[in-house]
Protein backbone atom coordinates (compact mmCIF):
# COMPACT_ATOMS: atom_id res chain seq x y z
CA MET A 1 21.06 -30.95 -54.08
CA GLN A 2 21.38 -32.80 -57.39
CA ARG A 3 18.42 -34.98 -56.43
CA ARG A 4 16.38 -31.91 -55.50
CA ARG A 5 17.11 -30.19 -58.83
CA ALA A 6 16.23 -33.39 -60.67
CA LEU A 7 12.88 -33.68 -58.95
CA VAL A 8 12.02 -30.05 -59.56
CA ALA A 9 12.99 -30.38 -63.21
CA SER A 10 10.90 -33.55 -63.53
CA ALA A 11 7.88 -31.80 -62.07
CA ALA A 12 8.34 -28.92 -64.47
CA LEU A 13 8.52 -31.29 -67.43
CA LEU A 14 5.30 -33.01 -66.38
CA GLY A 15 3.57 -29.66 -66.04
CA SER A 16 0.40 -29.24 -64.03
CA GLY A 17 -1.19 -32.33 -65.52
CA GLY A 18 1.08 -35.30 -64.95
CA LEU A 19 -0.87 -38.43 -64.04
CA LEU A 20 -2.88 -36.77 -61.32
CA SER A 21 -6.59 -37.50 -61.54
CA ALA A 22 -8.72 -34.95 -63.35
CA THR A 23 -10.14 -33.63 -60.09
CA ALA A 24 -6.67 -33.20 -58.60
CA ARG A 25 -5.62 -31.19 -61.65
CA ALA A 26 -8.80 -29.12 -61.44
CA ALA A 27 -7.92 -28.19 -57.85
CA GLY A 28 -4.59 -26.83 -59.09
CA LEU A 29 -2.48 -29.57 -57.52
CA LYS A 30 0.89 -30.16 -59.14
CA PRO A 31 2.74 -33.45 -59.56
CA LEU A 32 6.26 -34.06 -58.31
CA GLY A 33 8.40 -36.48 -60.25
CA ALA A 34 7.20 -39.29 -62.47
CA PRO A 35 4.27 -41.54 -61.54
CA ARG A 36 4.98 -45.12 -60.58
CA ALA A 37 3.08 -48.37 -60.35
CA PHE A 38 1.90 -49.18 -56.84
CA ASP A 39 0.21 -51.89 -54.81
CA TYR A 40 0.43 -53.06 -51.20
CA ALA A 41 2.70 -56.00 -52.05
CA GLN A 42 5.16 -53.59 -53.64
CA LEU A 43 5.06 -51.37 -50.53
CA LYS A 44 5.82 -54.36 -48.31
CA GLY A 45 8.73 -55.22 -50.58
CA ARG A 46 10.12 -51.70 -50.17
CA ALA A 47 9.77 -51.92 -46.40
CA ARG A 48 11.59 -55.27 -46.36
CA ALA A 49 14.38 -53.83 -48.51
CA LEU A 50 14.71 -50.82 -46.21
CA ALA A 51 15.08 -53.11 -43.20
CA ALA A 52 17.83 -55.06 -44.94
CA ALA A 53 19.90 -51.89 -45.37
CA PRO A 54 21.45 -49.63 -42.73
CA TYR A 55 19.13 -46.95 -41.41
CA ARG A 56 19.64 -43.58 -43.07
CA VAL A 57 19.06 -40.72 -40.68
CA PRO A 58 16.60 -38.32 -42.31
CA ARG A 59 17.37 -34.67 -42.74
CA THR A 60 15.29 -32.44 -40.49
CA ASP A 61 17.11 -29.16 -41.14
CA LEU A 62 14.26 -27.06 -42.45
CA PRO A 63 14.86 -23.88 -44.44
CA ALA A 64 15.82 -21.13 -41.99
CA ASP A 65 12.56 -19.19 -42.29
CA LEU A 66 10.54 -22.34 -41.56
CA ALA A 67 12.77 -23.32 -38.64
CA ARG A 68 12.20 -19.93 -36.99
CA LEU A 69 8.40 -20.21 -36.83
CA ASP A 70 6.94 -20.04 -33.33
CA TRP A 71 3.62 -21.51 -32.21
CA ASP A 72 1.46 -18.56 -33.20
CA GLN A 73 3.17 -18.13 -36.56
CA TYR A 74 2.77 -21.80 -37.41
CA GLN A 75 -0.88 -21.75 -36.38
CA ALA A 76 -1.41 -18.79 -38.74
CA ILE A 77 -0.68 -20.99 -41.79
CA ARG A 78 -3.94 -22.31 -43.21
CA PHE A 79 -4.52 -24.77 -46.02
CA ARG A 80 -6.77 -23.41 -48.77
CA SER A 81 -9.77 -25.69 -49.03
CA ASP A 82 -10.12 -25.08 -52.79
CA HIS A 83 -6.74 -26.84 -53.22
CA ALA A 84 -7.80 -29.99 -51.37
CA LEU A 85 -7.28 -33.29 -53.10
CA TRP A 86 -10.59 -34.19 -54.82
CA ALA A 87 -12.01 -30.74 -53.98
CA ASP A 88 -13.78 -30.42 -57.34
CA ASP A 89 -15.45 -33.81 -57.30
CA THR A 90 -18.56 -35.19 -55.67
CA LEU A 91 -16.64 -37.75 -53.62
CA ARG A 92 -17.34 -38.20 -49.93
CA PHE A 93 -13.75 -37.32 -49.01
CA GLN A 94 -11.28 -34.48 -49.40
CA ILE A 95 -7.65 -34.37 -48.29
CA ARG A 96 -6.05 -31.24 -46.85
CA LEU A 97 -2.35 -31.00 -46.12
CA PHE A 98 -0.32 -29.78 -43.14
CA HIS A 99 2.60 -27.42 -43.64
CA LEU A 100 6.03 -28.23 -42.25
CA GLY A 101 7.33 -26.20 -39.32
CA LEU A 102 7.42 -25.91 -35.53
CA PHE A 103 7.53 -29.47 -34.09
CA PHE A 104 6.98 -31.09 -37.49
CA LYS A 105 10.39 -31.10 -39.12
CA ARG A 106 10.52 -34.40 -40.97
CA PRO A 107 8.80 -34.11 -44.36
CA VAL A 108 6.50 -36.82 -45.64
CA GLN A 109 5.68 -37.42 -49.27
CA VAL A 110 2.00 -37.57 -50.16
CA PHE A 111 0.83 -39.46 -53.24
CA GLU A 112 -2.48 -39.70 -55.01
CA LEU A 113 -3.15 -43.32 -55.92
CA HIS A 114 -5.40 -43.84 -58.94
CA ASP A 115 -5.76 -46.82 -61.29
CA GLY A 116 -2.68 -48.49 -59.84
CA GLN A 117 -0.46 -45.44 -60.38
CA ALA A 118 0.99 -43.33 -57.55
CA GLN A 119 1.73 -39.68 -58.24
CA ALA A 120 3.54 -37.55 -55.68
CA LEU A 121 2.06 -34.14 -54.90
CA ALA A 122 4.37 -31.14 -55.09
CA TYR A 123 4.52 -28.47 -52.44
CA ASP A 124 2.92 -25.33 -53.84
CA PRO A 125 2.60 -21.99 -52.01
CA ALA A 126 -0.81 -21.55 -53.66
CA MET A 127 -2.06 -24.32 -51.34
CA PHE A 128 -1.65 -22.19 -48.22
CA ASP A 129 -2.81 -18.92 -46.74
CA TYR A 130 0.23 -17.74 -44.75
CA GLY A 131 -1.69 -15.12 -42.76
CA GLN A 132 0.44 -13.49 -40.07
CA SER A 133 3.12 -16.18 -40.17
CA GLY A 134 5.62 -13.98 -41.99
CA LEU A 135 6.55 -16.94 -44.20
CA ASP A 136 7.12 -16.49 -47.94
CA GLY A 137 5.90 -19.72 -49.45
CA HIS A 138 7.39 -18.93 -52.85
CA ARG A 139 10.89 -19.25 -51.38
CA GLN A 140 10.32 -22.91 -50.44
CA PRO A 141 11.53 -25.75 -52.72
CA ALA A 142 9.00 -27.72 -54.76
CA ASP A 143 10.04 -30.96 -53.04
CA LEU A 144 9.62 -29.49 -49.54
CA GLY A 145 7.00 -32.11 -48.72
CA PHE A 146 4.33 -31.88 -46.06
CA ALA A 147 3.96 -32.54 -42.35
CA GLY A 148 0.91 -34.78 -42.84
CA PHE A 149 -2.71 -34.61 -43.91
CA ARG A 150 -6.26 -34.53 -42.65
CA VAL A 151 -9.48 -36.01 -43.98
CA VAL A 152 -12.78 -34.15 -44.28
CA VAL A 153 -16.09 -35.66 -45.35
CA HIS A 154 -18.86 -34.23 -47.53
CA THR A 155 -21.31 -33.89 -44.64
CA ALA A 156 -18.98 -31.70 -42.54
CA PRO A 157 -16.53 -29.91 -44.89
CA GLU A 158 -15.18 -27.61 -42.15
CA GLN A 159 -14.47 -30.39 -39.63
CA ASP A 160 -11.71 -32.91 -40.19
CA MET A 161 -12.51 -36.44 -39.11
CA VAL A 162 -9.01 -37.94 -39.26
CA ALA A 163 -5.52 -36.42 -39.06
CA PHE A 164 -2.06 -37.96 -39.55
CA LEU A 165 0.57 -35.57 -38.18
CA GLY A 166 3.97 -36.10 -36.57
CA ALA A 167 5.99 -39.36 -36.49
CA SER A 168 3.43 -42.19 -36.80
CA TYR A 169 0.72 -40.45 -34.78
CA PHE A 170 -2.86 -40.16 -35.99
CA ARG A 171 -6.21 -39.18 -34.50
CA ALA A 172 -9.85 -39.52 -35.40
CA VAL A 173 -13.23 -38.38 -34.10
CA GLY A 174 -16.63 -39.96 -33.91
CA GLY A 175 -20.05 -38.36 -33.74
CA SER A 176 -18.97 -35.82 -31.11
CA ARG A 177 -16.45 -34.35 -33.61
CA GLN A 178 -14.09 -33.77 -30.70
CA TYR A 179 -10.45 -34.85 -30.87
CA GLY A 180 -8.82 -36.43 -27.83
CA LEU A 181 -6.46 -39.35 -27.57
CA SER A 182 -4.15 -40.48 -30.40
CA ALA A 183 -2.98 -43.75 -31.91
CA ARG A 184 0.42 -44.58 -33.36
CA GLY A 185 1.62 -46.90 -36.05
CA LEU A 186 4.15 -48.49 -33.70
CA ALA A 187 5.86 -48.04 -30.33
CA VAL A 188 9.45 -49.11 -29.73
CA ASP A 189 11.09 -49.42 -26.30
CA THR A 190 8.50 -47.41 -24.39
CA ALA A 191 9.22 -46.92 -20.65
CA LEU A 192 12.67 -48.49 -20.70
CA PRO A 193 15.72 -46.85 -19.09
CA ARG A 194 16.80 -45.31 -22.39
CA PRO A 195 15.20 -42.94 -24.91
CA GLU A 196 12.08 -44.24 -26.60
CA GLU A 197 12.18 -44.67 -30.37
CA PHE A 198 9.44 -43.01 -32.43
CA PRO A 199 9.06 -44.60 -35.87
CA ASP A 200 7.99 -42.22 -38.63
CA PHE A 201 5.49 -42.53 -41.43
CA THR A 202 7.55 -41.24 -44.36
CA GLU A 203 5.17 -41.73 -47.30
CA PHE A 204 1.39 -41.76 -47.63
CA TYR A 205 -0.59 -43.10 -50.60
CA LEU A 206 -4.20 -41.86 -50.75
CA GLU A 207 -6.36 -44.05 -52.95
CA ARG A 208 -9.00 -42.17 -54.87
CA PRO A 209 -12.30 -43.71 -53.67
CA ALA A 210 -15.24 -44.61 -55.85
CA ALA A 211 -17.93 -41.95 -56.08
CA THR A 212 -20.28 -43.73 -53.66
CA SER A 213 -17.66 -45.24 -51.33
CA GLY A 214 -17.83 -44.38 -47.65
CA THR A 215 -14.36 -45.86 -47.02
CA LEU A 216 -11.03 -44.20 -47.70
CA VAL A 217 -7.96 -46.42 -48.16
CA VAL A 218 -4.57 -45.03 -47.13
CA TYR A 219 -1.21 -46.78 -47.40
CA ALA A 220 1.85 -45.70 -45.44
CA LEU A 221 5.55 -46.52 -45.32
CA LEU A 222 7.14 -46.55 -41.84
CA ASP A 223 10.82 -46.35 -40.98
CA SER A 224 13.03 -46.04 -37.89
CA PRO A 225 16.44 -47.20 -36.69
CA SER A 226 14.97 -50.51 -35.46
CA VAL A 227 12.21 -51.40 -37.88
CA SER A 228 10.54 -50.65 -41.21
CA GLY A 229 6.95 -51.36 -42.10
CA ALA A 230 4.10 -51.10 -44.57
CA TYR A 231 0.58 -50.16 -43.46
CA ARG A 232 -2.88 -50.22 -44.98
CA PHE A 233 -5.72 -48.24 -43.37
CA ALA A 234 -9.33 -48.66 -44.50
CA ILE A 235 -11.05 -45.67 -42.85
CA THR A 236 -14.83 -45.41 -42.52
CA PRO A 237 -15.95 -42.24 -40.70
CA GLY A 238 -19.23 -42.15 -38.81
CA GLU A 239 -20.80 -41.98 -35.37
CA HIS A 240 -18.07 -44.51 -34.65
CA THR A 241 -15.13 -44.04 -36.99
CA VAL A 242 -13.66 -47.41 -37.91
CA MET A 243 -10.16 -48.13 -39.20
CA ASP A 244 -9.18 -51.59 -40.38
CA VAL A 245 -5.40 -51.73 -40.12
CA ASP A 246 -2.99 -54.17 -41.73
CA ALA A 247 0.68 -53.85 -40.84
CA ALA A 248 3.74 -55.71 -42.11
CA LEU A 249 6.81 -55.11 -39.94
CA TYR A 250 10.45 -55.88 -40.77
CA PRO A 251 12.84 -55.46 -37.81
CA ARG A 252 16.38 -54.24 -38.52
CA LYS A 253 17.59 -55.42 -35.14
CA THR A 254 16.44 -57.03 -31.92
CA ILE A 255 13.70 -54.99 -30.23
CA GLU A 256 13.25 -55.41 -26.49
CA ARG A 257 9.75 -53.94 -26.20
CA LEU A 258 7.59 -53.74 -29.32
CA GLY A 259 4.23 -52.00 -28.98
CA ILE A 260 1.51 -53.08 -31.40
CA ALA A 261 -1.55 -50.83 -31.84
CA PRO A 262 -0.24 -48.22 -29.39
CA LEU A 263 -2.65 -45.68 -27.91
CA THR A 264 -1.60 -42.38 -26.32
CA SER A 265 -3.76 -40.28 -24.01
CA MET A 266 -3.75 -37.87 -21.06
CA TYR A 267 -4.83 -38.20 -17.44
CA GLN A 268 -4.05 -35.40 -14.99
CA ALA A 269 -6.76 -35.55 -12.31
CA GLY A 270 -10.04 -37.34 -11.70
CA GLU A 271 -12.40 -38.58 -9.02
CA ASN A 272 -10.05 -41.42 -8.07
CA ASP A 273 -6.76 -39.49 -8.23
CA ARG A 274 -6.62 -35.89 -7.07
CA ARG A 275 -2.84 -35.70 -6.69
CA MET A 276 -2.65 -32.80 -9.18
CA ALA A 277 -6.13 -31.38 -8.51
CA HIS A 278 -4.97 -27.78 -8.12
CA ASP A 279 -7.07 -26.64 -11.10
CA TRP A 280 -10.55 -25.12 -10.74
CA ARG A 281 -11.98 -27.94 -12.90
CA PRO A 282 -12.94 -31.10 -10.99
CA GLU A 283 -11.48 -33.53 -13.54
CA ILE A 284 -8.97 -33.23 -16.39
CA HIS A 285 -8.43 -36.22 -18.64
CA ASP A 286 -8.87 -37.50 -22.20
CA SER A 287 -9.37 -41.05 -20.93
CA ASP A 288 -10.29 -42.40 -17.51
CA GLY A 289 -9.54 -46.10 -17.82
CA LEU A 290 -8.03 -49.03 -19.68
CA ALA A 291 -10.62 -51.63 -20.69
CA MET A 292 -9.59 -55.17 -21.63
CA HIS A 293 -11.44 -58.23 -22.93
CA SER A 294 -9.09 -61.12 -22.35
CA GLY A 295 -8.67 -64.20 -24.49
CA ARG A 296 -10.44 -66.29 -21.85
CA GLY A 297 -13.42 -63.92 -21.89
CA GLU A 298 -12.83 -61.84 -18.75
CA TRP A 299 -13.78 -58.15 -18.89
CA ILE A 300 -11.36 -55.94 -16.96
CA TRP A 301 -11.44 -52.25 -16.05
CA ARG A 302 -8.30 -50.50 -14.84
CA PRO A 303 -8.89 -46.83 -13.83
CA LEU A 304 -6.06 -44.52 -14.87
CA THR A 305 -3.95 -42.50 -12.45
CA ASN A 306 -1.40 -39.70 -12.52
CA PRO A 307 1.31 -41.34 -10.42
CA ALA A 308 4.08 -39.54 -8.55
CA THR A 309 6.65 -41.70 -10.39
CA LEU A 310 6.52 -43.60 -13.66
CA ARG A 311 4.30 -46.65 -13.38
CA PHE A 312 4.38 -49.69 -15.68
CA ASN A 313 1.90 -52.59 -15.68
CA ALA A 314 1.73 -55.64 -17.93
CA PHE A 315 -1.44 -57.75 -18.14
CA ALA A 316 -0.52 -61.17 -19.54
CA ASP A 317 -2.92 -62.68 -22.04
CA HIS A 318 -3.24 -65.05 -24.99
CA ASP A 319 -5.18 -64.11 -28.12
CA PRO A 320 -6.78 -61.01 -26.58
CA ARG A 321 -10.24 -60.11 -27.80
CA GLY A 322 -9.76 -56.37 -27.38
CA PHE A 323 -8.43 -53.48 -25.32
CA GLY A 324 -8.72 -49.73 -25.35
CA LEU A 325 -8.45 -46.41 -23.55
CA MET A 326 -11.93 -45.24 -22.61
CA GLN A 327 -13.55 -42.00 -21.56
CA ARG A 328 -16.53 -43.48 -19.71
CA ASP A 329 -17.40 -40.37 -17.71
CA ARG A 330 -19.50 -38.27 -20.12
CA SER A 331 -21.05 -35.83 -17.66
CA PHE A 332 -20.17 -32.17 -18.29
CA GLU A 333 -20.73 -31.44 -14.59
CA ASN A 334 -17.72 -33.57 -13.70
CA TYR A 335 -15.37 -31.51 -15.89
CA GLN A 336 -16.91 -28.02 -16.14
CA ASP A 337 -14.78 -27.32 -19.21
CA ASP A 338 -16.66 -25.43 -21.91
CA GLY A 339 -13.50 -24.82 -23.95
CA VAL A 340 -11.98 -28.19 -24.75
CA PHE A 341 -14.95 -30.35 -23.65
CA TYR A 342 -13.37 -33.36 -21.97
CA ASP A 343 -16.82 -34.92 -21.68
CA ARG A 344 -16.89 -35.28 -25.48
CA ARG A 345 -13.48 -36.88 -25.92
CA PRO A 346 -13.59 -40.13 -27.92
CA SER A 347 -12.68 -43.54 -26.60
CA LEU A 348 -10.63 -45.93 -28.75
CA TRP A 349 -11.06 -49.70 -28.88
CA VAL A 350 -8.56 -52.12 -30.46
CA GLU A 351 -9.98 -55.39 -31.78
CA PRO A 352 -7.39 -57.92 -33.01
CA ARG A 353 -8.14 -59.63 -36.31
CA GLY A 354 -6.75 -63.13 -36.16
CA ALA A 355 -4.83 -64.83 -33.36
CA TRP A 356 -2.19 -62.65 -31.69
CA GLY A 357 -0.79 -65.44 -29.53
CA ALA A 358 0.92 -64.90 -26.19
CA GLY A 359 1.85 -61.47 -24.89
CA SER A 360 0.51 -58.72 -22.68
CA VAL A 361 -1.42 -55.50 -22.76
CA GLN A 362 1.01 -52.99 -21.31
CA LEU A 363 0.08 -49.73 -19.62
CA VAL A 364 2.47 -46.85 -18.96
CA GLU A 365 1.44 -43.97 -16.67
CA ILE A 366 3.84 -41.01 -16.53
CA PRO A 367 3.62 -38.19 -13.97
CA THR A 368 2.35 -34.91 -15.39
CA VAL A 369 1.49 -31.47 -14.07
CA ASP A 370 0.18 -30.24 -17.42
CA GLU A 371 -2.85 -31.32 -19.44
CA THR A 372 -1.00 -30.63 -22.72
CA PHE A 373 1.31 -33.59 -22.06
CA ASP A 374 0.15 -37.05 -23.14
CA ASN A 375 1.23 -39.20 -20.21
CA ILE A 376 -0.70 -42.44 -20.82
CA VAL A 377 0.37 -45.18 -23.25
CA ALA A 378 -1.19 -48.60 -23.84
CA PHE A 379 -0.25 -51.26 -26.40
CA TRP A 380 0.05 -54.99 -27.07
CA ASN A 381 3.50 -56.47 -26.54
CA PRO A 382 4.06 -59.91 -28.12
CA ALA A 383 5.84 -62.46 -25.95
CA ALA A 384 7.88 -63.87 -28.84
CA PRO A 385 11.29 -62.21 -29.25
CA VAL A 386 11.54 -59.68 -32.08
CA GLN A 387 14.55 -60.48 -34.24
CA PRO A 388 15.96 -58.94 -37.43
CA GLY A 389 14.99 -60.56 -40.70
CA GLN A 390 11.46 -61.46 -39.60
CA GLU A 391 8.24 -60.54 -41.33
CA MET A 392 5.62 -59.77 -38.69
CA LEU A 393 2.03 -59.40 -39.89
CA TRP A 394 -0.56 -57.74 -37.67
CA ALA A 395 -4.20 -56.95 -38.35
CA TYR A 396 -6.65 -55.12 -36.12
CA ARG A 397 -9.62 -52.79 -36.09
CA LEU A 398 -9.62 -49.39 -34.38
CA THR A 399 -13.00 -47.96 -33.40
CA TRP A 400 -13.23 -44.32 -32.26
CA GLY A 401 -16.25 -42.81 -30.56
CA ALA A 402 -18.23 -42.32 -27.37
CA ASP A 403 -18.78 -46.01 -26.61
CA PRO A 404 -16.83 -48.08 -29.15
CA ALA A 405 -16.23 -51.28 -27.17
CA PRO A 406 -18.65 -54.22 -27.33
CA ARG A 407 -21.13 -54.18 -24.45
CA PRO A 408 -20.58 -57.10 -22.09
CA ALA A 409 -23.49 -58.79 -20.37
CA LEU A 410 -21.88 -57.80 -17.07
CA ALA A 411 -22.18 -54.53 -15.18
CA GLN A 412 -19.45 -51.99 -15.88
CA CYS A 413 -17.53 -49.76 -13.50
CA VAL A 414 -18.80 -46.20 -13.89
CA ALA A 415 -16.91 -44.43 -11.08
CA THR A 416 -13.98 -44.96 -8.74
CA ARG A 417 -13.51 -42.72 -5.71
CA THR A 418 -10.86 -42.86 -3.02
CA GLY A 419 -10.19 -41.16 0.30
CA LEU A 420 -9.31 -41.69 3.92
CA GLY A 421 -10.79 -44.86 5.42
CA GLY A 422 -12.27 -45.61 8.80
CA VAL A 423 -15.69 -45.47 10.48
CA VAL A 424 -17.35 -42.08 10.68
CA GLY A 425 -17.66 -40.93 14.31
CA GLN A 426 -15.08 -43.38 15.61
CA LYS A 427 -11.47 -42.58 16.40
CA ARG A 428 -9.08 -44.07 13.85
CA LYS A 429 -6.52 -46.44 15.35
CA ALA A 430 -4.69 -47.18 12.09
CA PHE A 431 -4.27 -45.53 8.72
CA SER A 432 -6.46 -46.96 5.98
CA TRP A 433 -7.59 -45.89 2.53
CA ARG A 434 -11.20 -46.11 1.32
CA PHE A 435 -12.25 -47.26 -2.16
CA ALA A 436 -15.81 -46.69 -3.40
CA VAL A 437 -16.48 -48.33 -6.76
CA ASP A 438 -19.79 -47.92 -8.60
CA PHE A 439 -21.15 -50.44 -11.10
CA ALA A 440 -24.11 -50.08 -13.47
CA GLY A 441 -25.65 -52.02 -16.34
CA GLY A 442 -25.73 -55.73 -16.96
CA ASP A 443 -28.23 -57.54 -14.75
CA LEU A 444 -27.95 -55.21 -11.74
CA ALA A 445 -31.32 -53.62 -12.41
CA LEU A 446 -32.88 -57.12 -12.14
CA VAL A 447 -31.45 -57.94 -8.72
CA ASP A 448 -34.32 -58.36 -6.24
CA ALA A 449 -34.34 -57.62 -2.52
CA LYS A 450 -33.79 -61.25 -1.58
CA THR A 451 -30.62 -61.70 -3.63
CA GLU A 452 -27.38 -61.14 -1.78
CA VAL A 453 -24.80 -59.21 -3.81
CA GLU A 454 -21.24 -59.73 -2.61
CA ALA A 455 -18.18 -57.56 -3.24
CA VAL A 456 -15.27 -59.95 -3.83
CA VAL A 457 -12.06 -58.08 -2.99
CA SER A 458 -8.41 -59.13 -2.90
CA ALA A 459 -5.19 -57.23 -2.26
CA SER A 460 -1.60 -58.17 -3.06
CA ARG A 461 -0.49 -56.95 0.40
CA GLY A 462 -1.96 -55.22 3.41
CA ARG A 463 -5.34 -55.94 5.02
CA VAL A 464 -8.81 -55.44 3.49
CA GLU A 465 -11.59 -54.48 5.89
CA LEU A 466 -15.08 -52.89 6.04
CA THR A 467 -16.15 -54.50 2.77
CA SER A 468 -19.72 -53.81 1.66
CA ALA A 469 -22.01 -53.75 -1.37
CA ARG A 470 -25.30 -51.90 -1.55
CA PRO A 471 -27.78 -50.67 -4.17
CA LEU A 472 -27.28 -47.21 -5.64
CA ALA A 473 -30.61 -46.04 -7.02
CA SER A 474 -29.25 -42.93 -8.74
CA ILE A 475 -27.43 -45.08 -11.32
CA ARG A 476 -29.68 -48.16 -11.07
CA GLY A 477 -26.59 -50.03 -9.95
CA TRP A 478 -24.51 -50.97 -6.92
CA ARG A 479 -21.67 -49.46 -4.92
CA ALA A 480 -18.88 -51.59 -3.50
CA MET A 481 -16.80 -50.14 -0.69
CA PHE A 482 -13.77 -51.37 1.24
CA ASP A 483 -10.74 -50.09 3.15
CA VAL A 484 -7.13 -51.15 2.75
CA VAL A 485 -4.80 -51.00 5.75
CA PRO A 486 -1.28 -50.95 4.26
CA GLU A 487 1.89 -52.39 5.69
CA ALA A 488 4.77 -50.07 6.54
CA SER A 489 6.09 -50.51 2.99
CA THR A 490 5.33 -48.00 0.24
CA GLU A 491 5.39 -50.71 -2.43
CA PRO A 492 2.35 -50.51 -4.75
CA ILE A 493 -0.64 -52.64 -3.78
CA THR A 494 -2.64 -54.38 -6.51
CA LEU A 495 -6.38 -54.50 -5.80
CA ARG A 496 -8.98 -56.65 -7.49
CA LEU A 497 -12.78 -56.42 -7.14
CA TYR A 498 -15.94 -57.74 -8.73
CA LEU A 499 -19.57 -58.20 -7.74
CA ARG A 500 -21.00 -61.69 -7.33
CA ALA A 501 -24.43 -63.19 -6.64
CA ARG A 502 -25.12 -66.88 -5.99
CA GLY A 503 -21.61 -67.77 -7.15
CA GLN A 504 -21.95 -65.99 -10.49
CA PRO A 505 -20.14 -62.74 -11.48
CA LEU A 506 -22.39 -59.72 -11.92
CA SER A 507 -19.71 -57.23 -12.99
CA GLU A 508 -16.51 -56.87 -14.89
CA THR A 509 -13.29 -57.09 -12.88
CA TRP A 510 -12.00 -53.83 -11.44
CA LEU A 511 -8.22 -53.64 -11.10
CA TYR A 512 -6.30 -50.90 -9.35
CA GLU A 513 -2.78 -50.11 -8.26
CA TRP A 514 -2.48 -47.98 -5.13
CA THR A 515 0.78 -46.70 -3.69
CA PRO A 516 0.51 -46.02 0.06
CA PRO A 517 2.07 -42.81 1.35
CA PRO A 518 5.22 -43.03 3.51
CA PRO A 519 4.44 -43.84 7.17
CA ALA A 520 5.29 -40.28 8.25
CA GLN A 521 2.54 -38.95 5.98
CA ARG A 522 -0.23 -41.29 7.13
CA THR A 523 -2.21 -38.74 9.07
CA LEU A 524 -5.18 -40.17 10.99
CA TYR A 525 -7.05 -36.86 11.44
């Protein structure tokens, strides 16, 4: 409480001017505490010092009236656009702040960074319209802090392009202006037999951009029981929103599974997995596949599933060229959702900057019955052990949008469908499962009638039969089909497929993991 009174008194002494920029003062924003010198090297030094000290559990006990807010009450709180950071300037960016409450209980400090000086922004009830929330903003302390922030651009002042909210989560949109999957600063111990750790961004530094700059630079301090870190984001919104990320990580202790550039999405049902297809909509997902460009140049497509039990896959690699969670299916007819528009959801591509060495792209698929639950996680896991006292430097580019990954010269998988196998009109003698995989693009449109296209299929167990490949005029591509006859076991079967002509690959590699049903459920019909 002494610290709180000191900060409030300091803000009062500085008045409404402080060292905030002129435009911040014009918007009525108030400083909190004294300004301080800032640069990225200093932030890394703070993160290193944090990691050298015992972790201090943050307070998340909100004032009672804030803690009581339900979903509708929290949603009723609106930020006043005339109080946005840089609202009274002709910059390309404005910053609007999120109120604490509901799920967002850990406050973050937000600073304006200008001419090498960082000035914290004070909570002010004048920033918010409380609507039907029932909250009295004037009863909140001046150092309450914020839940996060969002970024709007001059060309679309009512639509935020980027949002940082909750732990180290953030989201962005591209030209569709439709949110979907999220990214995180860091993942720790995901899908291990103990609770996952969710590192928090605790401070944000928003650098006032030049008048003509189309890039916003944001710095962030990260902290958790296992690791501290300093981040720099250079954010350039557009048809494809690009973020160049630099991260310096300082482990406090050994970390078993570190997730670099983690992505979080949702997959409930789709054309290849109808396990939870009880909804009237044909497909429900933010992403439909994991794309990878390996260090040796192979392009890989792994369709997502909603498994009956947690599923974990690791794809070993060295110096990966990129990976991402994609929403390739962009046809409204396949979703029929005119409320949340799954056909417009952005994809997100991660492109490493520099050599990442040995490790694996790891994919976690968690069962879900609800589209509001993000059940898909993908990240890079370095092979080298993570030990306390290290400095780990990572750099990568995030690209958000409808088609953010580089286009390979090979054909891409555009649909995966599954169902009961066998030959139509003939009595089935054994249970089998059919896979129909469509490819388009690349050189497929140039294949002539005399060229034999071969579907190259392999399975980790069981028997592959009835393999075929034939042209599919509707997509100017080809369809590969095959059946898998499983063994009695219900162990997952790894499938691998690509198209080949005259010994040369025509398509990316399709990977899939299929879990056969128990023998008692293998109905032949």
